[in-house]
Amino acid sequence: AQGDSWVFTCAEAVPEVEESIYFAGLSGPRRSRQIVLAFKASEIAEVHWQLTRTAIAGYPENN
């Protein structure tokens, strides 16, 4: 909803946003961005991440 913001956190790796291409749409490929976690799977057995919705200051909270 308008006024929402999302925060992605990960304890084991630093998240980065990279350019990508979305192919699943009927209108053809389109530009997108994706969250990328770079780590060695042999060194980290589990990755704990969280995507949290937060309200932006100045907007009423959505109920």
Protein backbone atom coordinates (compact mmCIF):
# COMPACT_ATOMS: atom_id res chain seq x y z
CA ALA A 1 0.00 0.00 0.00
CA GLN A 2 1.05 3.61 -0.43
CA GLY A 3 3.29 4.68 2.43
CA ASP A 4 4.73 1.21 2.98
CA SER A 5 8.42 0.45 2.93
CA TRP A 6 10.11 -2.94 3.07
CA VAL A 7 13.28 -3.81 5.00
CA PHE A 8 15.26 -6.95 4.11
CA THR A 9 17.70 -8.26 6.72
CA CYS A 10 20.03 -11.24 6.79
CA ALA A 11 22.31 -12.26 9.67
CA GLU A 12 24.78 -14.37 7.67
CA ALA A 13 25.38 -12.32 4.50
CA VAL A 14 25.24 -8.73 3.29
CA PRO A 15 22.25 -8.26 0.94
CA GLU A 16 22.81 -6.34 -2.29
CA VAL A 17 20.33 -5.19 -4.93
CA GLU A 18 21.21 -6.04 -8.54
CA GLU A 19 19.61 -5.29 -11.89
CA SER A 20 17.74 -8.23 -13.42
CA ILE A 21 15.18 -9.16 -16.09
CA TYR A 22 11.70 -10.55 -15.33
CA PHE A 23 10.61 -13.10 -17.99
CA ALA A 24 7.38 -14.56 -16.58
CA GLY A 25 5.03 -11.77 -17.66
CA LEU A 26 2.76 -12.14 -20.71
CA SER A 27 3.90 -8.73 -21.97
CA GLY A 28 7.46 -10.01 -22.41
CA PRO A 29 10.70 -9.36 -20.53
CA ARG A 30 10.95 -6.29 -18.32
CA ARG A 31 13.61 -4.71 -16.16
CA SER A 32 13.56 -5.54 -12.47
CA ARG A 33 15.82 -5.64 -9.43
CA GLN A 34 16.59 -8.56 -7.16
CA ILE A 35 18.08 -9.05 -3.71
CA VAL A 36 21.28 -11.09 -3.88
CA LEU A 37 23.09 -12.85 -1.02
CA ALA A 38 26.65 -13.90 -1.87
CA PHE A 39 28.19 -16.56 0.38
CA LYS A 40 29.87 -19.96 0.26
CA ALA A 41 27.29 -22.68 0.84
CA SER A 42 30.07 -24.94 2.15
CA GLU A 43 30.71 -22.44 4.98
CA ILE A 44 27.14 -21.41 5.86
CA ALA A 45 24.65 -24.26 6.30
CA GLU A 46 21.59 -22.04 6.91
CA VAL A 47 20.68 -18.50 5.95
CA HIS A 48 18.18 -16.63 8.10
CA TRP A 49 16.47 -13.70 6.40
CA GLN A 50 13.47 -11.51 7.06
CA LEU A 51 11.37 -9.15 4.93
CA THR A 52 9.49 -6.68 7.10
CA ARG A 53 6.88 -4.12 6.04
CA THR A 54 7.11 -0.76 7.79
CA ALA A 55 5.10 2.45 7.49
CA ILE A 56 6.82 5.57 6.16
CA ALA A 57 6.69 8.61 8.44
CA GLY A 58 3.98 11.06 7.39
CA TYR A 59 1.57 8.41 6.08
CA PRO A 60 -1.28 7.04 8.18
CA GLU A 61 -0.83 3.40 9.15
CA ASN A 62 -2.78 0.89 7.09
CA ASN A 63 -5.15 -1.20 9.19
